Amino acid sequence: MFGTNTIGSAFSLTKILGGISKGLTIANQVIPLYQQAKPMIQNARKVMSVLKEFNKPSNSVTNKTTVEVTPKEKTEPTKVQSSNSPVFFQ
C-alpha cells in the first residue's frame, strides 16, 4: 500500500502529459470566446455608466417657466388704390 510503486503510478509521465493536453485544449476553446466577449463586456460597462448618469437627479431646479404672450396689435389693412401702373413698394 505505501511503497515506491504507489508514488510512481500516481505521477506517471503519460498522466501528466494527458492532463496538460486537456488543459491546453480547454484554454484553446476558452481564449477565443473571451476575446470575442471582451468588447461586449466593456461596452456594457460603459452603457451602464451612461444610464446611471441619466438616472441621477439634476442639481438645477426644474420649475416650469411661464411665458406671457402679448396679443399682437391689430393692424388695419392698407387700402390700395387701383391704378394701371405696377406697385413695387407699399
N, C-alpha and C. Protein backbone atom coordinates (compact mmCIF):
# COMPACT_ATOMS: atom_id res chain seq x y z
N MET A 1 0.83 -1.18 0.00
CA MET A 1 0.00 0.00 0.00
C MET A 1 0.88 1.25 0.00
N PHE A 2 1.83 1.37 0.93
CA PHE A 2 2.73 2.50 0.95
C PHE A 2 4.08 2.05 0.44
N GLY A 3 4.36 2.41 -0.75
CA GLY A 3 5.64 1.99 -1.29
C GLY A 3 6.01 2.82 -2.49
N THR A 4 7.05 2.48 -3.13
CA THR A 4 7.51 3.22 -4.30
C THR A 4 6.60 3.00 -5.50
N ASN A 5 5.91 1.89 -5.55
CA ASN A 5 5.01 1.62 -6.67
C ASN A 5 3.80 2.56 -6.66
N THR A 6 3.30 2.91 -5.48
CA THR A 6 2.14 3.81 -5.37
C THR A 6 2.52 5.21 -5.84
N ILE A 7 3.65 5.72 -5.43
CA ILE A 7 4.08 7.05 -5.83
C ILE A 7 4.41 7.08 -7.31
N GLY A 8 5.03 6.07 -7.81
CA GLY A 8 5.38 6.01 -9.21
C GLY A 8 4.17 5.91 -10.11
N SER A 9 3.14 5.22 -9.68
CA SER A 9 1.94 5.08 -10.51
C SER A 9 1.08 6.34 -10.46
N ALA A 10 1.14 7.12 -9.39
CA ALA A 10 0.33 8.35 -9.26
C ALA A 10 0.89 9.45 -10.16
N PHE A 11 2.18 9.52 -10.34
CA PHE A 11 2.79 10.58 -11.12
C PHE A 11 3.49 10.02 -12.35
N SER A 12 2.76 9.39 -13.21
CA SER A 12 3.38 8.87 -14.42
C SER A 12 3.43 9.97 -15.48
N LEU A 13 4.36 9.89 -16.35
CA LEU A 13 4.55 10.90 -17.39
C LEU A 13 3.34 10.97 -18.32
N THR A 14 2.73 9.85 -18.60
CA THR A 14 1.57 9.85 -19.51
C THR A 14 0.37 10.56 -18.89
N LYS A 15 0.19 10.39 -17.57
CA LYS A 15 -0.93 11.08 -16.91
C LYS A 15 -0.69 12.59 -16.87
N ILE A 16 0.54 12.98 -16.61
CA ILE A 16 0.86 14.42 -16.57
C ILE A 16 0.67 15.04 -17.95
N LEU A 17 1.17 14.38 -18.98
CA LEU A 17 1.01 14.91 -20.34
C LEU A 17 -0.46 14.92 -20.77
N GLY A 18 -1.21 13.94 -20.34
CA GLY A 18 -2.65 13.91 -20.65
C GLY A 18 -3.38 15.06 -19.99
N GLY A 19 -3.03 15.35 -18.73
CA GLY A 19 -3.65 16.48 -18.02
C GLY A 19 -3.29 17.80 -18.65
N ILE A 20 -2.03 17.94 -19.04
CA ILE A 20 -1.60 19.18 -19.70
C ILE A 20 -2.32 19.34 -21.04
N SER A 21 -2.47 18.24 -21.76
CA SER A 21 -3.15 18.29 -23.06
C SER A 21 -4.61 18.71 -22.91
N LYS A 22 -5.28 18.15 -21.90
CA LYS A 22 -6.68 18.54 -21.66
C LYS A 22 -6.78 20.02 -21.28
N GLY A 23 -5.84 20.48 -20.45
CA GLY A 23 -5.84 21.89 -20.04
C GLY A 23 -5.62 22.82 -21.22
N LEU A 24 -4.71 22.47 -22.10
CA LEU A 24 -4.46 23.30 -23.28
C LEU A 24 -5.64 23.29 -24.25
N THR A 25 -6.31 22.14 -24.35
CA THR A 25 -7.50 22.06 -25.22
C THR A 25 -8.58 23.00 -24.71
N ILE A 26 -8.81 22.97 -23.42
CA ILE A 26 -9.83 23.86 -22.83
C ILE A 26 -9.42 25.32 -23.01
N ALA A 27 -8.14 25.63 -22.78
CA ALA A 27 -7.65 27.01 -22.94
C ALA A 27 -7.81 27.47 -24.38
N ASN A 28 -7.55 26.58 -25.34
CA ASN A 28 -7.70 26.96 -26.75
C ASN A 28 -9.15 27.21 -27.12
N GLN A 29 -10.09 26.65 -26.40
CA GLN A 29 -11.50 26.90 -26.66
C GLN A 29 -12.01 28.15 -25.94
N VAL A 30 -11.49 28.40 -24.74
CA VAL A 30 -11.99 29.50 -23.92
C VAL A 30 -11.39 30.84 -24.33
N ILE A 31 -10.12 30.88 -24.70
CA ILE A 31 -9.46 32.15 -25.01
C ILE A 31 -10.14 32.89 -26.17
N PRO A 32 -10.47 32.24 -27.29
CA PRO A 32 -11.18 32.99 -28.35
C PRO A 32 -12.56 33.48 -27.92
N LEU A 33 -13.26 32.70 -27.09
CA LEU A 33 -14.56 33.15 -26.60
C LEU A 33 -14.40 34.40 -25.73
N TYR A 34 -13.38 34.40 -24.89
CA TYR A 34 -13.12 35.56 -24.05
C TYR A 34 -12.78 36.79 -24.89
N GLN A 35 -11.94 36.60 -25.91
CA GLN A 35 -11.54 37.73 -26.76
C GLN A 35 -12.72 38.29 -27.52
N GLN A 36 -13.69 37.45 -27.90
CA GLN A 36 -14.87 37.93 -28.59
C GLN A 36 -15.84 38.62 -27.63
N ALA A 37 -15.92 38.14 -26.40
CA ALA A 37 -16.87 38.70 -25.45
C ALA A 37 -16.33 39.94 -24.74
N LYS A 38 -15.03 40.13 -24.73
CA LYS A 38 -14.41 41.25 -24.00
C LYS A 38 -14.94 42.61 -24.45
N PRO A 39 -15.03 42.93 -25.76
CA PRO A 39 -15.57 44.24 -26.15
C PRO A 39 -17.02 44.43 -25.74
N MET A 40 -17.80 43.37 -25.78
CA MET A 40 -19.21 43.49 -25.36
C MET A 40 -19.31 43.78 -23.88
N ILE A 41 -18.45 43.17 -23.09
CA ILE A 41 -18.47 43.40 -21.64
C ILE A 41 -18.04 44.83 -21.34
N GLN A 42 -17.02 45.32 -22.03
CA GLN A 42 -16.57 46.69 -21.81
C GLN A 42 -17.64 47.69 -22.23
N ASN A 43 -18.32 47.43 -23.35
CA ASN A 43 -19.38 48.33 -23.79
C ASN A 43 -20.56 48.28 -22.84
N ALA A 44 -20.85 47.13 -22.28
CA ALA A 44 -21.94 47.03 -21.32
C ALA A 44 -21.63 47.87 -20.08
N ARG A 45 -20.38 47.88 -19.66
CA ARG A 45 -20.00 48.71 -18.51
C ARG A 45 -20.19 50.19 -18.85
N LYS A 46 -19.81 50.58 -20.04
CA LYS A 46 -19.97 51.98 -20.44
C LYS A 46 -21.45 52.36 -20.53
N VAL A 47 -22.26 51.46 -21.07
CA VAL A 47 -23.69 51.72 -21.18
C VAL A 47 -24.30 51.86 -19.80
N MET A 48 -23.89 51.02 -18.87
CA MET A 48 -24.41 51.11 -17.51
C MET A 48 -24.02 52.43 -16.86
N SER A 49 -22.81 52.89 -17.10
CA SER A 49 -22.40 54.17 -16.50
C SER A 49 -23.18 55.33 -17.13
N VAL A 50 -23.47 55.24 -18.41
CA VAL A 50 -24.27 56.30 -19.06
C VAL A 50 -25.69 56.28 -18.52
N LEU A 51 -26.25 55.10 -18.34
CA LEU A 51 -27.61 55.01 -17.80
C LEU A 51 -27.68 55.53 -16.37
N LYS A 52 -26.63 55.30 -15.58
CA LYS A 52 -26.60 55.83 -14.23
C LYS A 52 -26.60 57.35 -14.25
N GLU A 53 -25.90 57.95 -15.21
CA GLU A 53 -25.86 59.41 -15.32
C GLU A 53 -27.25 59.96 -15.66
N PHE A 54 -28.00 59.25 -16.49
CA PHE A 54 -29.33 59.72 -16.83
C PHE A 54 -30.29 59.60 -15.66
N ASN A 55 -30.08 58.63 -14.80
CA ASN A 55 -30.97 58.42 -13.66
C ASN A 55 -30.67 59.32 -12.49
N LYS A 56 -29.53 60.00 -12.48
CA LYS A 56 -29.21 60.90 -11.39
C LYS A 56 -30.13 62.12 -11.44
N PRO A 57 -30.59 62.58 -10.27
CA PRO A 57 -31.39 63.80 -10.28
C PRO A 57 -30.50 64.99 -10.61
N SER A 58 -31.04 65.89 -11.37
CA SER A 58 -30.24 67.05 -11.76
C SER A 58 -30.20 68.05 -10.62
N ASN A 59 -29.14 68.82 -10.55
CA ASN A 59 -28.97 69.81 -9.50
C ASN A 59 -29.78 71.07 -9.75
N SER A 60 -30.15 71.31 -10.99
CA SER A 60 -30.90 72.52 -11.30
C SER A 60 -32.35 72.34 -10.90
N VAL A 61 -32.97 73.45 -10.59
CA VAL A 61 -34.37 73.44 -10.18
C VAL A 61 -35.21 73.32 -11.44
N THR A 62 -36.16 72.44 -11.41
CA THR A 62 -36.97 72.20 -12.61
C THR A 62 -38.34 72.85 -12.44
N ASN A 63 -38.35 74.16 -12.28
CA ASN A 63 -39.62 74.88 -12.21
C ASN A 63 -40.13 75.13 -13.61
N LYS A 64 -41.42 75.09 -13.74
CA LYS A 64 -41.99 75.39 -15.04
C LYS A 64 -41.95 76.90 -15.24
N THR A 65 -41.44 77.31 -16.34
CA THR A 65 -41.38 78.73 -16.62
C THR A 65 -42.64 79.13 -17.36
N THR A 66 -43.14 80.27 -16.99
CA THR A 66 -44.34 80.76 -17.65
C THR A 66 -43.94 81.85 -18.62
N VAL A 67 -44.53 81.80 -19.75
CA VAL A 67 -44.25 82.78 -20.78
C VAL A 67 -45.52 83.58 -21.00
N GLU A 68 -45.37 84.88 -20.86
CA GLU A 68 -46.53 85.74 -21.09
C GLU A 68 -46.61 86.05 -22.58
N VAL A 69 -47.77 85.83 -23.11
CA VAL A 69 -47.98 86.09 -24.53
C VAL A 69 -48.81 87.35 -24.64
N THR A 70 -48.24 88.32 -25.31
CA THR A 70 -48.98 89.56 -25.50
C THR A 70 -49.62 89.52 -26.88
N PRO A 71 -50.85 89.90 -26.94
CA PRO A 71 -51.51 89.87 -28.25
C PRO A 71 -50.89 90.89 -29.18
N LYS A 72 -50.83 90.54 -30.43
CA LYS A 72 -50.29 91.46 -31.42
C LYS A 72 -51.28 92.61 -31.64
N GLU A 73 -50.69 93.73 -31.93
CA GLU A 73 -51.54 94.88 -32.21
C GLU A 73 -52.25 94.64 -33.53
N LYS A 74 -53.48 94.99 -33.52
CA LYS A 74 -54.24 94.82 -34.75
C LYS A 74 -53.86 95.91 -35.74
N THR A 75 -53.50 95.46 -36.88
CA THR A 75 -53.17 96.42 -37.93
C THR A 75 -54.28 96.40 -38.95
N GLU A 76 -54.63 97.56 -39.31
CA GLU A 76 -55.68 97.68 -40.32
C GLU A 76 -55.06 97.55 -41.69
N PRO A 77 -55.72 96.83 -42.55
CA PRO A 77 -55.17 96.67 -43.90
C PRO A 77 -55.11 98.01 -44.62
N THR A 78 -54.06 98.19 -45.34
CA THR A 78 -53.91 99.43 -46.10
C THR A 78 -54.72 99.34 -47.37
N LYS A 79 -55.28 100.44 -47.72
CA LYS A 79 -56.09 100.47 -48.92
C LYS A 79 -55.19 100.77 -50.11
N VAL A 80 -55.32 99.97 -51.09
CA VAL A 80 -54.51 100.14 -52.28
C VAL A 80 -55.40 100.76 -53.36
N GLN A 81 -54.87 101.81 -53.90
CA GLN A 81 -55.63 102.44 -54.98
C GLN A 81 -55.32 101.70 -56.26
N SER A 82 -56.33 101.46 -56.98
CA SER A 82 -56.12 100.75 -58.24
C SER A 82 -55.60 101.71 -59.28
N SER A 83 -54.58 101.28 -59.91
CA SER A 83 -54.02 102.07 -61.00
C SER A 83 -53.44 101.09 -62.01
N ASN A 84 -53.17 101.58 -63.15
CA ASN A 84 -52.64 100.73 -64.20
C ASN A 84 -51.14 100.54 -64.09
N SER A 85 -50.47 101.29 -63.25
CA SER A 85 -49.02 101.16 -63.13
C SER A 85 -48.71 100.12 -62.03
N PRO A 86 -47.59 99.40 -62.17
CA PRO A 86 -47.25 98.40 -61.16
C PRO A 86 -46.79 99.07 -59.86
N VAL A 87 -47.07 98.42 -58.79
CA VAL A 87 -46.67 98.92 -57.48
C VAL A 87 -45.54 98.03 -56.98
N PHE A 88 -44.36 98.64 -56.77
CA PHE A 88 -43.22 97.87 -56.32
C PHE A 88 -43.10 97.87 -54.81
N PHE A 89 -43.35 99.00 -54.18
CA PHE A 89 -43.23 99.10 -52.72
C PHE A 89 -44.50 99.72 -52.17
N GLN A 90 -44.89 99.23 -51.02
CA GLN A 90 -46.07 99.83 -50.40
C GLN A 90 -45.68 100.44 -49.07
